[in-house]
Amino acid sequence: MPVINERHKELKRRRHRKKVYAKFKATLAKNPTNDERRKIADKLRKLTPAAEELIERWGL
């Protein structure tokens, strides 16, 4: 059974975040309500430590 090293774990997390970001951006493109924007911001905060920068950049 192969062992996954730290680099592979990091890449897996990064790829997952990229997919999640794409979903959030697609939702934001559809003119979401303020409640939906708040939910996305909360999920971003749980997903990454750089969330505040993303929230500011995306205009949430």
PDB file of N, CA and C in Angstrom:
ATOM      1  N   MET A   1       0.846  -1.162   0.000  1.00  0.00           N
ATOM      2  CA  MET A   1       0.000   0.000   0.000  1.00  0.00           C
ATOM      3  C   MET A   1       0.900   1.237   0.000  1.00  0.00           C
ATOM      4  N   PRO A   2       0.758   2.100  -1.004  1.00  0.00           N
ATOM      5  CA  PRO A   2       1.629   3.269  -1.094  1.00  0.00           C
ATOM      6  C   PRO A   2       1.307   4.297  -0.002  1.00  0.00           C
ATOM      7  N   VAL A   3       2.335   5.001   0.391  1.00  0.00           N
ATOM      8  CA  VAL A   3       2.191   6.031   1.410  1.00  0.00           C
ATOM      9  C   VAL A   3       2.199   7.390   0.720  1.00  0.00           C
ATOM     10  N   ILE A   4       1.235   8.240   1.075  1.00  0.00           N
ATOM     11  CA  ILE A   4       1.155   9.570   0.489  1.00  0.00           C
ATOM     12  C   ILE A   4       2.014  10.505   1.340  1.00  0.00           C
ATOM     13  N   ASN A   5       2.961  11.159   0.687  1.00  0.00           N
ATOM     14  CA  ASN A   5       3.801  12.069   1.446  1.00  0.00           C
ATOM     15  C   ASN A   5       3.130  13.436   1.563  1.00  0.00           C
ATOM     16  N   GLU A   6       3.758  14.314   2.321  1.00  0.00           N
ATOM     17  CA  GLU A   6       3.164  15.626   2.598  1.00  0.00           C
ATOM     18  C   GLU A   6       2.928  16.445   1.339  1.00  0.00           C
ATOM     19  N   ARG A   7       3.837  16.351   0.382  1.00  0.00           N
ATOM     20  CA  ARG A   7       3.695  17.114  -0.858  1.00  0.00           C
ATOM     21  C   ARG A   7       2.422  16.704  -1.596  1.00  0.00           C
ATOM     22  N   HIS A   8       2.145  15.418  -1.642  1.00  0.00           N
ATOM     23  CA  HIS A   8       0.937  14.937  -2.318  1.00  0.00           C
ATOM     24  C   HIS A   8      -0.325  15.383  -1.585  1.00  0.00           C
ATOM     25  N   LYS A   9      -0.258  15.392  -0.249  1.00  0.00           N
ATOM     26  CA  LYS A   9      -1.403  15.874   0.526  1.00  0.00           C
ATOM     27  C   LYS A   9      -1.646  17.349   0.243  1.00  0.00           C
ATOM     28  N   GLU A  10      -0.568  18.114   0.188  1.00  0.00           N
ATOM     29  CA  GLU A  10      -0.688  19.537  -0.095  1.00  0.00           C
ATOM     30  C   GLU A  10      -1.290  19.777  -1.471  1.00  0.00           C
ATOM     31  N   LEU A  11      -0.829  19.038  -2.463  1.00  0.00           N
ATOM     32  CA  LEU A  11      -1.365  19.193  -3.822  1.00  0.00           C
ATOM     33  C   LEU A  11      -2.841  18.809  -3.880  1.00  0.00           C
ATOM     34  N   LYS A  12      -3.207  17.768  -3.161  1.00  0.00           N
ATOM     35  CA  LYS A  12      -4.605  17.345  -3.123  1.00  0.00           C
ATOM     36  C   LYS A  12      -5.485  18.440  -2.519  1.00  0.00           C
ATOM     37  N   ARG A  13      -5.031  19.040  -1.408  1.00  0.00           N
ATOM     38  CA  ARG A  13      -5.784  20.128  -0.785  1.00  0.00           C
ATOM     39  C   ARG A  13      -5.903  21.313  -1.724  1.00  0.00           C
ATOM     40  N   ARG A  14      -4.817  21.632  -2.420  1.00  0.00           N
ATOM     41  CA  ARG A  14      -4.818  22.773  -3.335  1.00  0.00           C
ATOM     42  C   ARG A  14      -5.781  22.550  -4.488  1.00  0.00           C
ATOM     43  N   ARG A  15      -5.783  21.340  -5.033  1.00  0.00           N
ATOM     44  CA  ARG A  15      -6.698  21.036  -6.141  1.00  0.00           C
ATOM     45  C   ARG A  15      -8.152  21.096  -5.679  1.00  0.00           C
ATOM     46  N   HIS A  16      -8.409  20.624  -4.478  1.00  0.00           N
ATOM     47  CA  HIS A  16      -9.766  20.673  -3.944  1.00  0.00           C
ATOM     48  C   HIS A  16     -10.220  22.121  -3.759  1.00  0.00           C
ATOM     49  N   ARG A  17      -9.345  22.960  -3.193  1.00  0.00           N
ATOM     50  CA  ARG A  17      -9.687  24.372  -3.021  1.00  0.00           C
ATOM     51  C   ARG A  17      -9.976  25.031  -4.352  1.00  0.00           C
ATOM     52  N   LYS A  18      -9.212  24.676  -5.382  1.00  0.00           N
ATOM     53  CA  LYS A  18      -9.413  25.248  -6.713  1.00  0.00           C
ATOM     54  C   LYS A  18     -10.809  24.905  -7.241  1.00  0.00           C
ATOM     55  N   LYS A  19     -11.250  23.672  -7.037  1.00  0.00           N
ATOM     56  CA  LYS A  19     -12.585  23.259  -7.471  1.00  0.00           C
ATOM     57  C   LYS A  19     -13.672  24.014  -6.703  1.00  0.00           C
ATOM     58  N   VAL A  20     -13.463  24.165  -5.404  1.00  0.00           N
ATOM     59  CA  VAL A  20     -14.444  24.863  -4.573  1.00  0.00           C
ATOM     60  C   VAL A  20     -14.525  26.331  -4.977  1.00  0.00           C
ATOM     61  N   TYR A  21     -13.359  26.953  -5.226  1.00  0.00           N
ATOM     62  CA  TYR A  21     -13.339  28.347  -5.674  1.00  0.00           C
ATOM     63  C   TYR A  21     -14.120  28.499  -6.972  1.00  0.00           C
ATOM     64  N   ALA A  22     -13.976  27.551  -7.887  1.00  0.00           N
ATOM     65  CA  ALA A  22     -14.694  27.616  -9.162  1.00  0.00           C
ATOM     66  C   ALA A  22     -16.206  27.580  -8.928  1.00  0.00           C
ATOM     67  N   LYS A  23     -16.657  26.742  -7.992  1.00  0.00           N
ATOM     68  CA  LYS A  23     -18.093  26.678  -7.674  1.00  0.00           C
ATOM     69  C   LYS A  23     -18.575  28.002  -7.095  1.00  0.00           C
ATOM     70  N   PHE A  24     -17.778  28.574  -6.195  1.00  0.00           N
ATOM     71  CA  PHE A  24     -18.164  29.842  -5.587  1.00  0.00           C
ATOM     72  C   PHE A  24     -18.229  30.945  -6.629  1.00  0.00           C
ATOM     73  N   LYS A  25     -17.261  30.995  -7.532  1.00  0.00           N
ATOM     74  CA  LYS A  25     -17.247  32.025  -8.569  1.00  0.00           C
ATOM     75  C   LYS A  25     -18.449  31.869  -9.502  1.00  0.00           C
ATOM     76  N   ALA A  26     -18.826  30.629  -9.807  1.00  0.00           N
ATOM     77  CA  ALA A  26     -19.994  30.399 -10.651  1.00  0.00           C
ATOM     78  C   ALA A  26     -21.259  30.898  -9.952  1.00  0.00           C
ATOM     79  N   THR A  27     -21.349  30.664  -8.657  1.00  0.00           N
ATOM     80  CA  THR A  27     -22.500  31.136  -7.897  1.00  0.00           C
ATOM     81  C   THR A  27     -22.526  32.661  -7.862  1.00  0.00           C
ATOM     82  N   LEU A  28     -21.365  33.283  -7.699  1.00  0.00           N
ATOM     83  CA  LEU A  28     -21.296  34.738  -7.650  1.00  0.00           C
ATOM     84  C   LEU A  28     -21.638  35.379  -8.994  1.00  0.00           C
ATOM     85  N   ALA A  29     -21.430  34.662 -10.077  1.00  0.00           N
ATOM     86  CA  ALA A  29     -21.737  35.187 -11.407  1.00  0.00           C
ATOM     87  C   ALA A  29     -23.242  35.259 -11.659  1.00  0.00           C
ATOM     88  N   LYS A  30     -24.032  34.563 -10.847  1.00  0.00           N
ATOM     89  CA  LYS A  30     -25.491  34.512 -11.037  1.00  0.00           C
ATOM     90  C   LYS A  30     -26.246  35.548 -10.214  1.00  0.00           C
ATOM     91  N   ASN A  31     -25.590  36.583  -9.737  1.00  0.00           N
ATOM     92  CA  ASN A  31     -26.201  37.613  -8.887  1.00  0.00           C
ATOM     93  C   ASN A  31     -26.870  37.011  -7.651  1.00  0.00           C
ATOM     94  N   PRO A  32     -26.076  36.502  -6.714  1.00  0.00           N
ATOM     95  CA  PRO A  32     -26.649  35.880  -5.523  1.00  0.00           C
ATOM     96  C   PRO A  32     -27.225  36.923  -4.559  1.00  0.00           C
ATOM     97  N   THR A  33     -28.079  36.459  -3.697  1.00  0.00           N
ATOM     98  CA  THR A  33     -28.650  37.331  -2.667  1.00  0.00           C
ATOM     99  C   THR A  33     -27.580  37.599  -1.602  1.00  0.00           C
ATOM    100  N   ASN A  34     -27.856  38.549  -0.731  1.00  0.00           N
ATOM    101  CA  ASN A  34     -26.910  38.860   0.340  1.00  0.00           C
ATOM    102  C   ASN A  34     -26.697  37.666   1.262  1.00  0.00           C
ATOM    103  N   ASP A  35     -27.740  36.877   1.474  1.00  0.00           N
ATOM    104  CA  ASP A  35     -27.618  35.697   2.322  1.00  0.00           C
ATOM    105  C   ASP A  35     -26.663  34.681   1.687  1.00  0.00           C
ATOM    106  N   GLU A  36     -26.780  34.485   0.371  1.00  0.00           N
ATOM    107  CA  GLU A  36     -25.882  33.558  -0.316  1.00  0.00           C
ATOM    108  C   GLU A  36     -24.441  34.060  -0.275  1.00  0.00           C
ATOM    109  N   ARG A  37     -24.254  35.366  -0.424  1.00  0.00           N
ATOM    110  CA  ARG A  37     -22.912  35.946  -0.345  1.00  0.00           C
ATOM    111  C   ARG A  37     -22.310  35.720   1.044  1.00  0.00           C
ATOM    112  N   ARG A  38     -23.112  35.873   2.071  1.00  0.00           N
ATOM    113  CA  ARG A  38     -22.646  35.670   3.439  1.00  0.00           C
ATOM    114  C   ARG A  38     -22.248  34.210   3.657  1.00  0.00           C
ATOM    115  N   LYS A  39     -23.045  33.286   3.114  1.00  0.00           N
ATOM    116  CA  LYS A  39     -22.734  31.862   3.249  1.00  0.00           C
ATOM    117  C   LYS A  39     -21.414  31.521   2.551  1.00  0.00           C
ATOM    118  N   ILE A  40     -21.212  32.091   1.370  1.00  0.00           N
ATOM    119  CA  ILE A  40     -19.961  31.846   0.641  1.00  0.00           C
ATOM    120  C   ILE A  40     -18.780  32.393   1.434  1.00  0.00           C
ATOM    121  N   ALA A  41     -18.928  33.582   1.995  1.00  0.00           N
ATOM    122  CA  ALA A  41     -17.851  34.171   2.791  1.00  0.00           C
ATOM    123  C   ALA A  41     -17.528  33.300   4.007  1.00  0.00           C
ATOM    124  N   ASP A  42     -18.556  32.767   4.668  1.00  0.00           N
ATOM    125  CA  ASP A  42     -18.335  31.893   5.825  1.00  0.00           C
ATOM    126  C   ASP A  42     -17.607  30.614   5.412  1.00  0.00           C
ATOM    127  N   LYS A  43     -18.003  30.049   4.288  1.00  0.00           N
ATOM    128  CA  LYS A  43     -17.353  28.833   3.812  1.00  0.00           C
ATOM    129  C   LYS A  43     -15.903  29.097   3.419  1.00  0.00           C
ATOM    130  N   LEU A  44     -15.637  30.259   2.832  1.00  0.00           N
ATOM    131  CA  LEU A  44     -14.265  30.616   2.492  1.00  0.00           C
ATOM    132  C   LEU A  44     -13.405  30.734   3.748  1.00  0.00           C
ATOM    133  N   ARG A  45     -13.963  31.309   4.789  1.00  0.00           N
ATOM    134  CA  ARG A  45     -13.212  31.452   6.043  1.00  0.00           C
ATOM    135  C   ARG A  45     -12.834  30.094   6.630  1.00  0.00           C
ATOM    136  N   LYS A  46     -13.694  29.109   6.467  1.00  0.00           N
ATOM    137  CA  LYS A  46     -13.398  27.767   6.964  1.00  0.00           C
ATOM    138  C   LYS A  46     -12.410  27.035   6.064  1.00  0.00           C
ATOM    139  N   LEU A  47     -12.376  27.412   4.794  1.00  0.00           N
ATOM    140  CA  LEU A  47     -11.580  26.687   3.814  1.00  0.00           C
ATOM    141  C   LEU A  47     -10.111  27.087   3.805  1.00  0.00           C
ATOM    142  N   THR A  48      -9.806  28.359   3.994  1.00  0.00           N
ATOM    143  CA  THR A  48      -8.441  28.816   3.824  1.00  0.00           C
ATOM    144  C   THR A  48      -8.090  29.949   4.774  1.00  0.00           C
ATOM    145  N   PRO A  49      -6.834  30.037   5.179  1.00  0.00           N
ATOM    146  CA  PRO A  49      -6.420  31.149   6.038  1.00  0.00           C
ATOM    147  C   PRO A  49      -6.377  32.488   5.299  1.00  0.00           C
ATOM    148  N   ALA A  50      -6.292  32.474   3.992  1.00  0.00           N
ATOM    149  CA  ALA A  50      -6.246  33.704   3.188  1.00  0.00           C
ATOM    150  C   ALA A  50      -7.640  34.161   2.783  1.00  0.00           C
ATOM    151  N   ALA A  51      -8.643  33.766   3.548  1.00  0.00           N
ATOM    152  CA  ALA A  51     -10.030  34.030   3.189  1.00  0.00           C
ATOM    153  C   ALA A  51     -10.349  35.519   3.132  1.00  0.00           C
ATOM    154  N   GLU A  52      -9.843  36.288   4.076  1.00  0.00           N
ATOM    155  CA  GLU A  52     -10.185  37.714   4.118  1.00  0.00           C
ATOM    156  C   GLU A  52      -9.710  38.429   2.860  1.00  0.00           C
ATOM    157  N   GLU A  53      -8.555  38.049   2.366  1.00  0.00           N
ATOM    158  CA  GLU A  53      -8.043  38.636   1.121  1.00  0.00           C
ATOM    159  C   GLU A  53      -8.954  38.271  -0.057  1.00  0.00           C
ATOM    160  N   LEU A  54      -9.393  37.015  -0.120  1.00  0.00           N
ATOM    161  CA  LEU A  54     -10.293  36.586  -1.195  1.00  0.00           C
ATOM    162  C   LEU A  54     -11.643  37.291  -1.100  1.00  0.00           C
ATOM    163  N   ILE A  55     -12.143  37.428   0.104  1.00  0.00           N
ATOM    164  CA  ILE A  55     -13.440  38.073   0.292  1.00  0.00           C
ATOM    165  C   ILE A  55     -13.365  39.519  -0.187  1.00  0.00           C
ATOM    166  N   GLU A  56     -12.294  40.174   0.138  1.00  0.00           N
ATOM    167  CA  GLU A  56     -12.117  41.571  -0.314  1.00  0.00           C
ATOM    168  C   GLU A  56     -11.966  41.635  -1.831  1.00  0.00           C
ATOM    169  N   ARG A  57     -11.192  40.724  -2.394  1.00  0.00           N
ATOM    170  CA  ARG A  57     -10.953  40.728  -3.839  1.00  0.00           C
ATOM    171  C   ARG A  57     -12.227  40.407  -4.623  1.00  0.00           C
ATOM    172  N   TRP A  58     -13.039  39.501  -4.106  1.00  0.00           N
ATOM    173  CA  TRP A  58     -14.265  39.099  -4.784  1.00  0.00           C
ATOM    174  C   TRP A  58     -15.432  40.031  -4.491  1.00  0.00           C
ATOM    175  N   GLY A  59     -15.257  40.966  -3.604  1.00  0.00           N
ATOM    176  CA  GLY A  59     -16.307  41.919  -3.294  1.00  0.00           C
ATOM    177  C   GLY A  59     -17.423  41.367  -2.443  1.00  0.00           C
ATOM    178  N   LEU A  60     -17.094  40.447  -1.568  1.00  0.00           N
ATOM    179  CA  LEU A  60     -18.108  39.886  -0.671  1.00  0.00           C
ATOM    180  C   LEU A  60     -18.156  40.733   0.560  1.00  0.00           C
TER     181      LEU A  60
END
